[in-house]
Amino acid sequence: MNTSETIQAHHIARKAVIYIRQSTPHQVLSHQESLRLQYGLKQRALKLGWSKLDIEIIDVDLGLSGAHTHHRQGFKDMLSKVAL
């Protein structure tokens, strides 16, 4: 059920894309709470009205620096999905 007045039907008609990233392999291992919170965004999207089938999690860039985009395939995928 939609719990936000700012989320409208035209928003729900599109996929929810959740991009998860941490900058270094050390952060991936030592900052588990950050990962838990990022993956928890799926539950937030469900509460806002998206179905499980319409939520995509992109997490292939875990442990990769955000200084450049050329090696971050997940970032490129996310941009292509939200720029439609």
C-alpha atoms as a PDB file:
ATOM      1  CA  MET A   1       0.000   0.000   0.000  1.00  0.00           C
ATOM      2  CA  ASN A   2       1.218   3.469  -0.857  1.00  0.00           C
ATOM      3  CA  THR A   3       2.225   5.339   2.300  1.00  0.00           C
ATOM      4  CA  SER A   4       3.361   8.560   0.668  1.00  0.00           C
ATOM      5  CA  GLU A   5       1.292  11.302  -0.896  1.00  0.00           C
ATOM      6  CA  THR A   6       4.209  12.171  -3.194  1.00  0.00           C
ATOM      7  CA  ILE A   7       4.283   8.743  -4.855  1.00  0.00           C
ATOM      8  CA  GLN A   8       1.723   8.730  -7.644  1.00  0.00           C
ATOM      9  CA  ALA A   9       0.429   5.976  -9.948  1.00  0.00           C
ATOM     10  CA  HIS A  10       2.745   7.096 -12.759  1.00  0.00           C
ATOM     11  CA  HIS A  11       5.718   6.517 -10.446  1.00  0.00           C
ATOM     12  CA  ILE A  12       4.550   3.021  -9.509  1.00  0.00           C
ATOM     13  CA  ALA A  13       4.066   2.235 -13.208  1.00  0.00           C
ATOM     14  CA  ARG A  14       7.852   2.393 -13.631  1.00  0.00           C
ATOM     15  CA  LYS A  15      10.414   0.034 -12.124  1.00  0.00           C
ATOM     16  CA  ALA A  16      12.075   0.944  -8.852  1.00  0.00           C
ATOM     17  CA  VAL A  17      15.842   0.705  -9.320  1.00  0.00           C
ATOM     18  CA  ILE A  18      18.007   0.420  -6.212  1.00  0.00           C
ATOM     19  CA  TYR A  19      21.734   0.936  -6.761  1.00  0.00           C
ATOM     20  CA  ILE A  20      23.889  -0.464  -3.962  1.00  0.00           C
ATOM     21  CA  ARG A  21      27.583   0.337  -3.681  1.00  0.00           C
ATOM     22  CA  GLN A  22      30.419   0.687  -1.238  1.00  0.00           C
ATOM     23  CA  SER A  23      33.771   2.120  -2.282  1.00  0.00           C
ATOM     24  CA  THR A  24      36.230  -0.544  -1.173  1.00  0.00           C
ATOM     25  CA  PRO A  25      36.277  -4.277  -0.454  1.00  0.00           C
ATOM     26  CA  HIS A  26      37.137  -3.343   3.150  1.00  0.00           C
ATOM     27  CA  GLN A  27      33.917  -1.319   3.446  1.00  0.00           C
ATOM     28  CA  VAL A  28      31.903  -4.230   2.075  1.00  0.00           C
ATOM     29  CA  LEU A  29      33.290  -6.465   4.825  1.00  0.00           C
ATOM     30  CA  SER A  30      33.406  -4.010   7.725  1.00  0.00           C
ATOM     31  CA  HIS A  31      30.338  -1.808   7.160  1.00  0.00           C
ATOM     32  CA  GLN A  32      27.624  -4.441   7.206  1.00  0.00           C
ATOM     33  CA  GLU A  33      25.063  -1.999   8.631  1.00  0.00           C
ATOM     34  CA  SER A  34      25.409   0.205   5.562  1.00  0.00           C
ATOM     35  CA  LEU A  35      24.802  -2.788   3.314  1.00  0.00           C
ATOM     36  CA  ARG A  36      21.819  -3.853   5.393  1.00  0.00           C
ATOM     37  CA  LEU A  37      20.292  -0.378   5.127  1.00  0.00           C
ATOM     38  CA  GLN A  38      20.890  -0.198   1.377  1.00  0.00           C
ATOM     39  CA  TYR A  39      19.308  -3.601   0.771  1.00  0.00           C
ATOM     40  CA  GLY A  40      16.490  -2.502   3.103  1.00  0.00           C
ATOM     41  CA  LEU A  41      15.448   0.045   0.492  1.00  0.00           C
ATOM     42  CA  LYS A  42      13.617  -2.820  -1.211  1.00  0.00           C
ATOM     43  CA  GLN A  43      11.245  -3.022   1.764  1.00  0.00           C
ATOM     44  CA  ARG A  44      10.723   0.739   1.548  1.00  0.00           C
ATOM     45  CA  ALA A  45       9.807   0.443  -2.139  1.00  0.00           C
ATOM     46  CA  LEU A  46       7.358  -2.360  -1.311  1.00  0.00           C
ATOM     47  CA  LYS A  47       5.720  -0.192   1.362  1.00  0.00           C
ATOM     48  CA  LEU A  48       5.445   2.663  -1.123  1.00  0.00           C
ATOM     49  CA  GLY A  49       3.502   0.470  -3.531  1.00  0.00           C
ATOM     50  CA  TRP A  50       5.939  -1.245  -5.899  1.00  0.00           C
ATOM     51  CA  SER A  51       5.517  -4.971  -6.435  1.00  0.00           C
ATOM     52  CA  LYS A  52       8.423  -7.383  -5.916  1.00  0.00           C
ATOM     53  CA  LEU A  53       8.592  -7.921  -9.667  1.00  0.00           C
ATOM     54  CA  ASP A  54       8.999  -4.187 -10.297  1.00  0.00           C
ATOM     55  CA  ILE A  55      11.960  -3.658  -7.961  1.00  0.00           C
ATOM     56  CA  GLU A  56      15.436  -4.181  -9.363  1.00  0.00           C
ATOM     57  CA  ILE A  57      18.520  -4.200  -7.165  1.00  0.00           C
ATOM     58  CA  ILE A  58      21.824  -3.451  -8.862  1.00  0.00           C
ATOM     59  CA  ASP A  59      24.726  -4.439  -6.628  1.00  0.00           C
ATOM     60  CA  VAL A  60      27.500  -5.509  -8.996  1.00  0.00           C
ATOM     61  CA  ASP A  61      29.675  -2.493  -8.096  1.00  0.00           C
ATOM     62  CA  LEU A  62      30.229  -3.429  -4.456  1.00  0.00           C
ATOM     63  CA  GLY A  63      33.820  -2.651  -3.500  1.00  0.00           C
ATOM     64  CA  LEU A  64      34.471  -0.419  -6.510  1.00  0.00           C
ATOM     65  CA  SER A  65      35.538   3.202  -6.115  1.00  0.00           C
ATOM     66  CA  GLY A  66      33.156   5.864  -7.355  1.00  0.00           C
ATOM     67  CA  ALA A  67      36.017   8.064  -8.603  1.00  0.00           C
ATOM     68  CA  HIS A  68      35.423   6.928 -12.188  1.00  0.00           C
ATOM     69  CA  THR A  69      32.507   5.342 -14.007  1.00  0.00           C
ATOM     70  CA  HIS A  70      34.252   3.425 -16.793  1.00  0.00           C
ATOM     71  CA  HIS A  71      34.666   0.273 -14.663  1.00  0.00           C
ATOM     72  CA  ARG A  72      31.279   0.442 -12.893  1.00  0.00           C
ATOM     73  CA  GLN A  73      28.901  -1.598 -15.049  1.00  0.00           C
ATOM     74  CA  GLY A  74      26.134  -1.456 -12.442  1.00  0.00           C
ATOM     75  CA  PHE A  75      26.224   2.344 -12.467  1.00  0.00           C
ATOM     76  CA  LYS A  76      25.957   2.361 -16.261  1.00  0.00           C
ATOM     77  CA  ASP A  77      23.043  -0.084 -16.108  1.00  0.00           C
ATOM     78  CA  MET A  78      21.277   2.049 -13.503  1.00  0.00           C
ATOM     79  CA  LEU A  79      21.700   5.209 -15.583  1.00  0.00           C
ATOM     80  CA  SER A  80      20.309   3.515 -18.674  1.00  0.00           C
ATOM     81  CA  LYS A  81      17.231   2.390 -16.736  1.00  0.00           C
ATOM     82  CA  VAL A  82      16.397   5.721 -15.098  1.00  0.00           C
ATOM     83  CA  ALA A  83      17.138   7.837 -18.177  1.00  0.00           C
ATOM     84  CA  LEU A  84      14.334   6.295 -20.254  1.00  0.00           C
END
